[in-house]
Amino acid sequence: MRFVDIINKKREGKSLTKEEIQFWIDGYVNEEIPDYQVSALCMAIVLNGMESREISDLTLAMMNSGDVMNLEAIAGIKVDKHSTGGVGDKTSLALLPMVSACGVKVAKMSGRGLGHTGGTLDKLESIDGFDIYLDDEEFVKQVNDINIAIIGQTAQLVPADKKLYALRDVTGTVQSVPLISSSIMSKKLASGADTILLDVKYGDGAFMQTPEEAIELAKTMIQIGKDCGRDTRAMITDMNQPLGFAIGNALEVKEAIATLKGEGPADFTELCLTAGSIILQQAKVCDDKDKARQMLLDVIKDGSALNQLKLLVKAQGGNVEQIEHPELLPQAKYVVEMNAKKSGYLAQVKALRVGTLAMKLGAGRATKEDAINFAVGIVLNKKVSNPVNEGDVIAYVHTDVPLSEEWIQDFYDTFIVDDEPCTPEPLIYEVLQ
């Protein structure tokens, strides 16, 4: 088999066989096929797409390119969730303690963030001592003991995706539903959970720009999950403005803690309740979404959801006192009030630009080597459609250095105040299964 023939075949819009796809992934991981040939094939896929069967074959070949977690030693149905990423998306920090408090087994492997703010692991590491590295035996034991563990992905998990993702990033071949969906699902399937909930975001601060694009991606991933015997469902959610109020690692941990106390932002709380009710049904803890929602409200009210976060932090070496007293989490040197320059209604909070502003403060990474400042970020005081009076505080900026004039100008270009009231997009556009 010659790889150039596979490139030519896809260039002509033909379907690749399972054997051809396996030859590609094996050869690339073993460094027998060079980057320039793989980038040519990826571009052909961007232009001509893949059939459902090809996407499933690609996903499985990538999944089996490295370690595949065996979670059979964990009693019960193991659940996982994945977000396609956004600004202020601290969902795992609140949602997973909530569902684990209802008896669900949460065995989650997470990644780090690149750009915007940090990923779930970075947010957890803003808690002193939190250890994201557990071996397989410790991981299984912790989930059996307290229903929840959140760890970093091992280097041996889906090495094909690591190589392909880095190549696609520099060859203009990121924007492809077959390549995106196989990348996400190969990691989720290799992580070993029985059920997967996908939060596929669209809008200014998301990878997919429109609901229609998000639905196409979600349906493709759901089909992959079904082909592999996993209960896979998806929420299509809006990311035209940040989720909740906090953007920044320790700031988002504080907001997750407040949410577990029943004091969180309305939009973030609603997202957690909707996602949680789906997960409880997937785990067969509850067969009715209204009953599931009530179970989640009950574990918030009685404190058991917050207790699950404490158990998670304690089990993984973190400082539980910082959960009980969030003011002990990392704090920036300065908190700067940003005031509205005119009266009206907040019409836009451009999510991508807010994420970039937070990254420039040190809350995210421009490159993989960058160190994250856990303390810095932005906390909104207004959301889209809120009335604003001149001089009102629209956000608090947590920073370790004085703000530059350029940063301040960028900030005011990001928050748009209009004379006329507006209606924000619904947070949850659709639920698919």
Protein backbone atom coordinates (compact mmCIF):
# COMPACT_ATOMS: atom_id res chain seq x y z
CA MET A 1 0.00 0.00 0.00
CA ARG A 2 1.35 3.45 -0.97
CA PHE A 3 0.28 6.50 1.00
CA VAL A 4 0.29 8.72 -2.09
CA ASP A 5 -2.48 6.51 -3.52
CA ILE A 6 -4.56 7.15 -0.39
CA ILE A 7 -4.03 10.92 -0.81
CA ASN A 8 -5.07 10.73 -4.47
CA LYS A 9 -8.14 8.67 -3.62
CA LYS A 10 -9.43 11.20 -1.09
CA ARG A 11 -8.47 14.09 -3.40
CA GLU A 12 -10.89 12.57 -5.92
CA GLY A 13 -13.63 12.45 -3.27
CA LYS A 14 -13.63 8.67 -2.83
CA SER A 15 -14.09 6.83 0.47
CA LEU A 16 -11.13 5.30 2.25
CA THR A 17 -11.30 1.71 3.47
CA LYS A 18 -10.81 0.73 7.10
CA GLU A 19 -7.44 -0.79 6.12
CA GLU A 20 -6.29 2.41 4.41
CA ILE A 21 -7.23 4.50 7.45
CA GLN A 22 -5.41 2.07 9.78
CA PHE A 23 -2.35 2.18 7.50
CA TRP A 24 -2.38 6.00 7.74
CA ILE A 25 -2.65 6.18 11.53
CA ASP A 26 -0.16 3.37 12.21
CA GLY A 27 2.36 4.80 9.77
CA TYR A 28 2.06 8.33 11.12
CA VAL A 29 2.37 7.35 14.80
CA ASN A 30 5.38 5.13 13.96
CA GLU A 31 6.93 8.02 11.98
CA GLU A 32 6.94 6.02 8.75
CA ILE A 33 4.71 8.59 6.96
CA PRO A 34 5.99 12.20 6.87
CA ASP A 35 4.11 15.31 7.97
CA TYR A 36 3.87 16.71 4.45
CA GLN A 37 1.96 13.69 3.16
CA VAL A 38 -0.41 13.62 6.14
CA SER A 39 -1.09 17.34 5.77
CA ALA A 40 -2.00 16.73 2.11
CA LEU A 41 -4.50 14.04 3.16
CA CYS A 42 -5.96 16.28 5.88
CA MET A 43 -6.51 19.05 3.32
CA ALA A 44 -8.24 16.57 0.99
CA ILE A 45 -10.52 15.61 3.90
CA VAL A 46 -11.24 19.30 4.64
CA LEU A 47 -12.26 19.78 1.00
CA ASN A 48 -14.10 16.50 0.35
CA GLY A 49 -15.26 15.30 3.77
CA MET A 50 -15.72 11.74 4.99
CA GLU A 51 -18.64 9.36 5.22
CA SER A 52 -20.00 8.30 8.61
CA ARG A 53 -18.31 4.90 8.38
CA GLU A 54 -14.95 6.50 7.53
CA ILE A 55 -15.21 8.85 10.52
CA SER A 56 -15.94 5.95 12.88
CA ASP A 57 -13.03 3.96 11.43
CA LEU A 58 -10.72 6.95 11.85
CA THR A 59 -11.89 7.50 15.43
CA LEU A 60 -11.28 3.87 16.40
CA ALA A 61 -7.86 3.79 14.71
CA MET A 62 -6.86 6.92 16.65
CA MET A 63 -8.35 5.57 19.89
CA ASN A 64 -6.33 2.36 19.59
CA SER A 65 -3.08 4.18 18.74
CA GLY A 66 -2.20 4.20 22.46
CA ASP A 67 -3.54 3.20 25.85
CA VAL A 68 -7.27 2.58 26.29
CA MET A 69 -8.52 2.87 29.87
CA ASN A 70 -10.31 -0.15 31.31
CA LEU A 71 -12.73 1.03 33.98
CA GLU A 72 -14.49 -2.29 34.57
CA ALA A 73 -13.20 -2.33 38.16
CA ILE A 74 -15.36 0.73 38.90
CA ALA A 75 -18.83 -0.38 40.00
CA GLY A 76 -21.79 1.05 38.07
CA ILE A 77 -22.14 3.24 35.00
CA LYS A 78 -19.17 5.57 34.46
CA VAL A 79 -20.01 8.99 33.02
CA ASP A 80 -17.96 11.62 31.23
CA LYS A 81 -18.68 15.04 29.77
CA HIS A 82 -16.85 17.19 27.27
CA SER A 83 -17.16 20.84 26.33
CA THR A 84 -15.87 22.12 22.99
CA GLY A 85 -14.59 25.12 24.95
CA GLY A 86 -15.57 28.68 25.67
CA VAL A 87 -14.93 31.69 27.87
CA GLY A 88 -15.75 31.34 31.57
CA ASP A 89 -16.54 27.63 31.10
CA LYS A 90 -15.93 26.19 34.55
CA THR A 91 -18.74 23.64 34.19
CA SER A 92 -16.82 20.53 35.32
CA LEU A 93 -15.96 22.16 38.65
CA ALA A 94 -19.62 22.46 39.66
CA LEU A 95 -21.48 19.92 37.53
CA LEU A 96 -19.39 16.86 38.35
CA PRO A 97 -19.57 17.26 42.15
CA MET A 98 -23.35 17.73 41.76
CA VAL A 99 -23.91 14.48 39.84
CA SER A 100 -21.44 12.52 41.96
CA ALA A 101 -23.40 13.64 45.04
CA CYS A 102 -26.40 11.91 43.43
CA GLY A 103 -24.49 8.63 43.30
CA VAL A 104 -23.08 8.82 39.75
CA LYS A 105 -19.56 7.53 39.07
CA VAL A 106 -17.49 10.32 37.47
CA ALA A 107 -14.20 9.10 35.95
CA LYS A 108 -12.92 12.12 34.05
CA MET A 109 -9.74 12.85 32.16
CA SER A 110 -9.30 16.51 31.26
CA GLY A 111 -6.91 18.64 29.25
CA ARG A 112 -5.23 21.97 29.67
CA GLY A 113 -6.25 25.20 28.00
CA LEU A 114 -4.37 26.90 25.17
CA GLY A 115 -5.56 30.46 24.61
CA HIS A 116 -8.32 32.22 26.54
CA THR A 117 -8.21 31.06 30.16
CA GLY A 118 -6.85 27.77 31.42
CA GLY A 119 -8.55 24.40 31.08
CA THR A 120 -10.17 22.38 33.84
CA LEU A 121 -6.79 21.12 35.05
CA ASP A 122 -5.37 24.63 35.33
CA LYS A 123 -8.39 25.75 37.33
CA LEU A 124 -8.03 22.81 39.71
CA GLU A 125 -4.31 23.50 40.09
CA SER A 126 -5.11 27.00 41.36
CA ILE A 127 -6.04 25.08 44.54
CA ASP A 128 -2.84 24.61 46.56
CA GLY A 129 -1.47 21.07 46.32
CA PHE A 130 -4.11 19.66 43.93
CA ASP A 131 -2.51 16.70 42.12
CA ILE A 132 -3.86 15.95 38.64
CA TYR A 133 -1.68 12.86 38.24
CA LEU A 134 -3.02 9.55 39.57
CA ASP A 135 -2.00 6.13 38.34
CA ASP A 136 -4.69 3.79 37.02
CA GLU A 137 -5.09 1.94 40.33
CA GLU A 138 -5.43 5.18 42.34
CA PHE A 139 -7.88 6.57 39.78
CA VAL A 140 -10.16 3.53 39.96
CA LYS A 141 -9.99 3.34 43.76
CA GLN A 142 -10.86 7.03 44.18
CA VAL A 143 -13.94 6.79 41.93
CA ASN A 144 -15.09 3.68 43.80
CA ASP A 145 -14.51 5.39 47.16
CA ILE A 146 -15.96 8.88 46.60
CA ASN A 147 -17.66 8.67 43.15
CA ILE A 148 -15.37 11.24 41.50
CA ALA A 149 -11.84 11.79 40.16
CA ILE A 150 -10.57 14.35 37.65
CA ILE A 151 -7.09 13.76 36.26
CA GLY A 152 -4.86 14.78 33.36
CA GLN A 153 -4.71 12.69 30.22
CA THR A 154 -1.69 10.40 30.11
CA ALA A 155 0.94 10.84 27.40
CA GLN A 156 0.10 7.36 26.13
CA LEU A 157 -3.57 8.20 25.51
CA VAL A 158 -4.35 8.68 21.79
CA PRO A 159 -0.86 9.68 20.58
CA ALA A 160 -2.23 9.84 17.03
CA ASP A 161 -4.44 12.77 18.02
CA LYS A 162 -1.56 14.69 19.61
CA LYS A 163 0.46 14.43 16.39
CA LEU A 164 -2.47 15.17 14.10
CA TYR A 165 -3.74 18.10 16.16
CA ALA A 166 -0.34 19.80 16.16
CA LEU A 167 -0.06 19.30 12.39
CA ARG A 168 -3.57 20.54 11.62
CA ASP A 169 -2.98 23.63 13.72
CA VAL A 170 -0.20 24.82 11.41
CA THR A 171 -1.53 23.60 8.05
CA GLY A 172 -4.97 25.25 7.90
CA THR A 173 -6.79 21.94 8.38
CA VAL A 174 -8.45 22.47 11.76
CA GLN A 175 -11.90 23.39 10.41
CA SER A 176 -13.26 19.98 9.43
CA VAL A 177 -16.13 18.15 11.11
CA PRO A 178 -14.65 14.66 10.43
CA LEU A 179 -11.27 15.67 11.86
CA ILE A 180 -12.71 17.59 14.83
CA SER A 181 -15.19 14.87 15.77
CA SER A 182 -12.66 12.02 15.49
CA SER A 183 -10.18 14.03 17.58
CA ILE A 184 -12.68 14.63 20.40
CA MET A 185 -14.32 11.21 20.37
CA SER A 186 -11.10 9.19 20.14
CA LYS A 187 -10.02 10.73 23.47
CA LYS A 188 -13.43 10.32 25.09
CA LEU A 189 -13.68 6.67 24.01
CA ALA A 190 -10.10 5.91 25.10
CA SER A 191 -10.92 7.36 28.53
CA GLY A 192 -13.20 4.39 29.12
CA ALA A 193 -16.50 5.92 30.31
CA ASP A 194 -19.83 4.25 29.48
CA THR A 195 -21.69 7.48 28.69
CA ILE A 196 -20.63 10.81 27.21
CA LEU A 197 -22.38 14.17 27.37
CA LEU A 198 -21.12 16.74 24.88
CA ASP A 199 -21.55 20.48 25.39
CA VAL A 200 -21.11 21.81 21.85
CA LYS A 201 -20.87 25.58 21.91
CA TYR A 202 -21.46 28.07 19.13
CA GLY A 203 -20.99 31.80 18.72
CA ASP A 204 -18.33 34.45 19.06
CA GLY A 205 -16.33 32.70 21.78
CA ALA A 206 -16.68 29.17 20.37
CA PHE A 207 -15.07 27.06 17.68
CA MET A 208 -18.33 26.64 15.75
CA GLN A 209 -19.84 29.97 14.77
CA THR A 210 -23.50 29.05 14.20
CA PRO A 211 -26.03 26.68 15.82
CA GLU A 212 -26.24 24.80 12.52
CA GLU A 213 -22.48 24.13 12.53
CA ALA A 214 -22.63 23.03 16.16
CA ILE A 215 -25.53 20.67 15.43
CA GLU A 216 -23.65 19.09 12.51
CA LEU A 217 -20.62 18.46 14.72
CA ALA A 218 -22.77 17.15 17.60
CA LYS A 219 -24.71 14.74 15.37
CA THR A 220 -21.46 13.39 13.93
CA MET A 221 -20.03 12.76 17.41
CA ILE A 222 -23.28 11.19 18.65
CA GLN A 223 -23.20 8.78 15.70
CA ILE A 224 -19.59 7.83 16.48
CA GLY A 225 -20.60 7.16 20.08
CA LYS A 226 -23.54 5.00 18.99
CA ASP A 227 -21.34 3.08 16.54
CA CYS A 228 -19.04 2.31 19.48
CA GLY A 229 -21.84 1.30 21.85
CA ARG A 230 -21.69 4.39 24.09
CA ASP A 231 -24.71 6.41 25.22
CA THR A 232 -23.71 9.77 23.71
CA ARG A 233 -25.85 12.90 23.90
CA ALA A 234 -25.23 16.59 23.26
CA MET A 235 -26.33 20.04 24.31
CA ILE A 236 -26.02 22.92 21.83
CA THR A 237 -25.23 26.03 23.91
CA ASP A 238 -24.61 29.71 23.26
CA MET A 239 -21.16 31.26 23.67
CA ASN A 240 -21.78 34.75 22.29
CA GLN A 241 -21.01 36.07 25.77
CA PRO A 242 -18.96 34.50 28.60
CA LEU A 243 -20.60 31.82 30.73
CA GLY A 244 -21.33 33.13 34.22
CA PHE A 245 -19.43 36.18 35.48
CA ALA A 246 -15.87 34.95 36.19
CA ILE A 247 -13.11 34.51 33.59
CA GLY A 248 -9.82 33.36 35.11
CA ASN A 249 -8.70 30.27 36.99
CA ALA A 250 -9.06 30.92 40.75
CA LEU A 251 -11.92 33.32 40.00
CA GLU A 252 -13.78 30.52 38.23
CA VAL A 253 -13.13 28.12 41.12
CA LYS A 254 -14.73 30.70 43.43
CA GLU A 255 -17.75 30.93 41.12
CA ALA A 256 -18.09 27.14 41.01
CA ILE A 257 -18.01 27.04 44.84
CA ALA A 258 -20.72 29.74 44.97
CA THR A 259 -22.82 27.72 42.50
CA LEU A 260 -22.54 24.61 44.68
CA LYS A 261 -23.87 26.74 47.52
CA GLY A 262 -26.85 27.81 45.40
CA GLU A 263 -25.42 31.31 44.94
CA GLY A 264 -24.06 31.07 41.40
CA PRO A 265 -24.94 33.06 38.26
CA ALA A 266 -28.32 32.18 36.74
CA ASP A 267 -26.96 31.14 33.33
CA PHE A 268 -24.17 28.95 34.71
CA THR A 269 -26.51 27.33 37.24
CA GLU A 270 -29.05 26.57 34.50
CA LEU A 271 -26.38 24.97 32.31
CA CYS A 272 -25.26 22.73 35.19
CA LEU A 273 -28.84 21.72 36.05
CA THR A 274 -29.69 20.89 32.43
CA ALA A 275 -26.46 18.96 31.88
CA GLY A 276 -26.78 17.23 35.24
CA SER A 277 -30.32 16.06 34.54
CA ILE A 278 -29.13 14.47 31.27
CA ILE A 279 -26.20 12.75 33.01
CA LEU A 280 -28.45 11.34 35.76
CA GLN A 281 -30.67 9.84 33.07
CA GLN A 282 -27.65 8.44 31.20
CA ALA A 283 -26.42 6.85 34.44
CA LYS A 284 -29.91 5.40 35.01
CA VAL A 285 -30.12 7.08 38.40
CA CYS A 286 -33.33 8.75 37.27
CA ASP A 287 -35.61 8.24 34.25
CA ASP A 288 -37.32 11.63 34.31
CA LYS A 289 -35.64 14.99 33.67
CA ASP A 290 -37.81 16.85 36.18
CA LYS A 291 -37.05 14.37 38.96
CA ALA A 292 -33.38 14.51 38.00
CA ARG A 293 -33.37 18.29 38.20
CA GLN A 294 -34.94 18.13 41.66
CA MET A 295 -32.28 15.68 42.82
CA LEU A 296 -29.61 18.17 41.78
CA LEU A 297 -31.35 21.04 43.54
CA ASP A 298 -31.60 18.88 46.66
CA VAL A 299 -27.85 18.09 46.77
CA ILE A 300 -27.10 21.79 46.43
CA LYS A 301 -29.54 22.66 49.20
CA ASP A 302 -28.32 20.04 51.67
CA GLY A 303 -24.64 20.78 51.04
CA SER A 304 -23.69 17.36 49.71
CA ALA A 305 -22.69 18.72 46.27
CA LEU A 306 -20.21 21.13 47.87
CA ASN A 307 -19.00 18.30 50.10
CA GLN A 308 -18.20 16.25 47.00
CA LEU A 309 -15.91 19.03 45.79
CA LYS A 310 -14.20 19.01 49.19
CA LEU A 311 -13.79 15.21 49.01
CA LEU A 312 -12.32 15.50 45.50
CA VAL A 313 -9.86 18.19 46.57
CA LYS A 314 -8.82 16.29 49.71
CA ALA A 315 -8.39 12.99 47.87
CA GLN A 316 -6.08 14.62 45.31
CA GLY A 317 -3.94 16.45 47.85
CA GLY A 318 -5.51 19.89 47.60
CA ASN A 319 -6.10 22.43 50.35
CA VAL A 320 -9.74 21.93 51.41
CA GLU A 321 -9.55 25.11 53.50
CA GLN A 322 -9.53 27.07 50.23
CA ILE A 323 -12.90 25.52 49.32
CA GLU A 324 -14.33 26.36 52.74
CA HIS A 325 -12.81 29.86 52.60
CA PRO A 326 -12.48 30.85 48.91
CA GLU A 327 -10.80 34.13 49.86
CA LEU A 328 -7.70 31.98 50.53
CA LEU A 329 -7.44 31.11 46.82
CA PRO A 330 -4.82 33.06 44.83
CA GLN A 331 -5.62 36.78 44.70
CA ALA A 332 -4.31 39.43 42.32
CA LYS A 333 -2.50 42.54 43.59
CA TYR A 334 -5.05 44.94 42.11
CA VAL A 335 -8.79 44.90 41.47
CA VAL A 336 -9.69 47.63 38.97
CA GLU A 337 -13.26 48.81 38.44
CA MET A 338 -14.22 49.34 34.80
CA ASN A 339 -17.03 51.88 34.52
CA ALA A 340 -19.58 52.38 31.76
CA LYS A 341 -18.97 55.47 29.63
CA LYS A 342 -22.61 55.88 28.62
CA SER A 343 -26.10 54.88 29.71
CA GLY A 344 -28.24 52.36 27.85
CA TYR A 345 -28.36 48.59 27.62
CA LEU A 346 -25.46 46.17 27.38
CA ALA A 347 -25.86 44.88 23.83
CA GLN A 348 -22.69 42.82 23.41
CA VAL A 349 -19.95 41.27 25.48
CA LYS A 350 -17.69 39.81 22.80
CA ALA A 351 -16.69 36.51 24.34
CA LEU A 352 -13.58 35.83 22.27
CA ARG A 353 -12.15 39.27 23.00
CA VAL A 354 -12.90 38.93 26.73
CA GLY A 355 -11.01 35.63 26.71
CA THR A 356 -8.10 37.27 24.90
CA LEU A 357 -8.08 40.19 27.36
CA ALA A 358 -7.93 37.69 30.25
CA MET A 359 -5.10 35.81 28.54
CA LYS A 360 -3.12 39.06 28.21
CA LEU A 361 -3.42 39.49 31.98
CA GLY A 362 -1.84 36.04 32.38
CA ALA A 363 -4.96 33.88 32.83
CA GLY A 364 -4.31 31.79 29.71
CA ARG A 365 -1.52 30.60 27.44
CA ALA A 366 -0.44 32.00 24.09
CA THR A 367 1.99 29.04 23.77
CA LYS A 368 2.17 25.67 25.54
CA GLU A 369 5.25 26.82 27.44
CA ASP A 370 3.58 29.87 29.03
CA ALA A 371 3.01 29.82 32.79
CA ILE A 372 -0.48 30.68 34.00
CA ASN A 373 -1.16 33.26 36.70
CA PHE A 374 -3.97 31.62 38.67
CA ALA A 375 -5.06 34.86 40.37
CA VAL A 376 -5.77 37.17 37.45
CA GLY A 377 -8.85 37.57 35.26
CA ILE A 378 -12.08 39.46 34.76
CA VAL A 379 -15.35 39.31 36.72
CA LEU A 380 -18.34 40.73 34.89
CA ASN A 381 -20.87 42.86 36.74
CA LYS A 382 -23.33 43.07 33.83
CA LYS A 383 -24.65 40.62 31.25
CA VAL A 384 -26.14 41.18 27.81
CA SER A 385 -29.55 42.97 27.99
CA ASN A 386 -28.86 44.47 31.44
CA PRO A 387 -29.54 48.22 31.80
CA VAL A 388 -26.44 50.33 32.36
CA ASN A 389 -26.04 53.86 33.73
CA GLU A 390 -23.01 55.96 32.96
CA GLY A 391 -20.43 55.27 35.68
CA ASP A 392 -21.82 51.85 36.61
CA VAL A 393 -19.23 49.13 37.18
CA ILE A 394 -19.49 46.75 34.25
CA ALA A 395 -16.57 44.54 35.28
CA TYR A 396 -13.79 44.09 37.82
CA VAL A 397 -10.32 43.40 36.45
CA HIS A 398 -8.03 41.32 38.69
CA THR A 399 -4.45 42.06 37.66
CA ASP A 400 -0.91 41.93 39.01
CA VAL A 401 0.28 44.84 36.85
CA PRO A 402 -1.21 48.26 36.00
CA LEU A 403 -3.46 48.13 32.94
CA SER A 404 -2.04 49.63 29.76
CA GLU A 405 -3.98 52.22 27.75
CA GLU A 406 -4.15 49.74 24.87
CA TRP A 407 -5.67 47.03 27.12
CA ILE A 408 -8.23 49.50 28.49
CA GLN A 409 -9.21 50.60 24.99
CA ASP A 410 -9.58 46.97 23.91
CA PHE A 411 -11.80 46.39 26.93
CA TYR A 412 -14.19 49.21 26.02
CA ASP A 413 -14.29 48.02 22.41
CA THR A 414 -15.43 44.63 23.74
CA PHE A 415 -18.40 45.83 25.84
CA ILE A 416 -20.98 47.49 23.60
CA VAL A 417 -23.72 49.67 25.19
CA ASP A 418 -26.73 50.54 22.97
CA ASP A 419 -29.65 52.90 23.42
CA GLU A 420 -32.25 50.22 22.68
CA PRO A 421 -32.91 47.12 24.81
CA CYS A 422 -32.04 43.74 23.33
CA THR A 423 -32.84 40.08 23.96
CA PRO A 424 -29.92 37.71 24.57
CA GLU A 425 -29.68 34.39 22.75
CA PRO A 426 -31.15 31.44 24.68
CA LEU A 427 -28.35 29.70 26.58
CA ILE A 428 -29.43 26.19 25.60
CA TYR A 429 -30.38 26.03 21.94
CA GLU A 430 -31.16 22.31 21.67
CA VAL A 431 -30.55 18.92 23.28
CA LEU A 432 -29.70 16.00 20.97
CA GLN A 433 -29.52 12.27 21.57
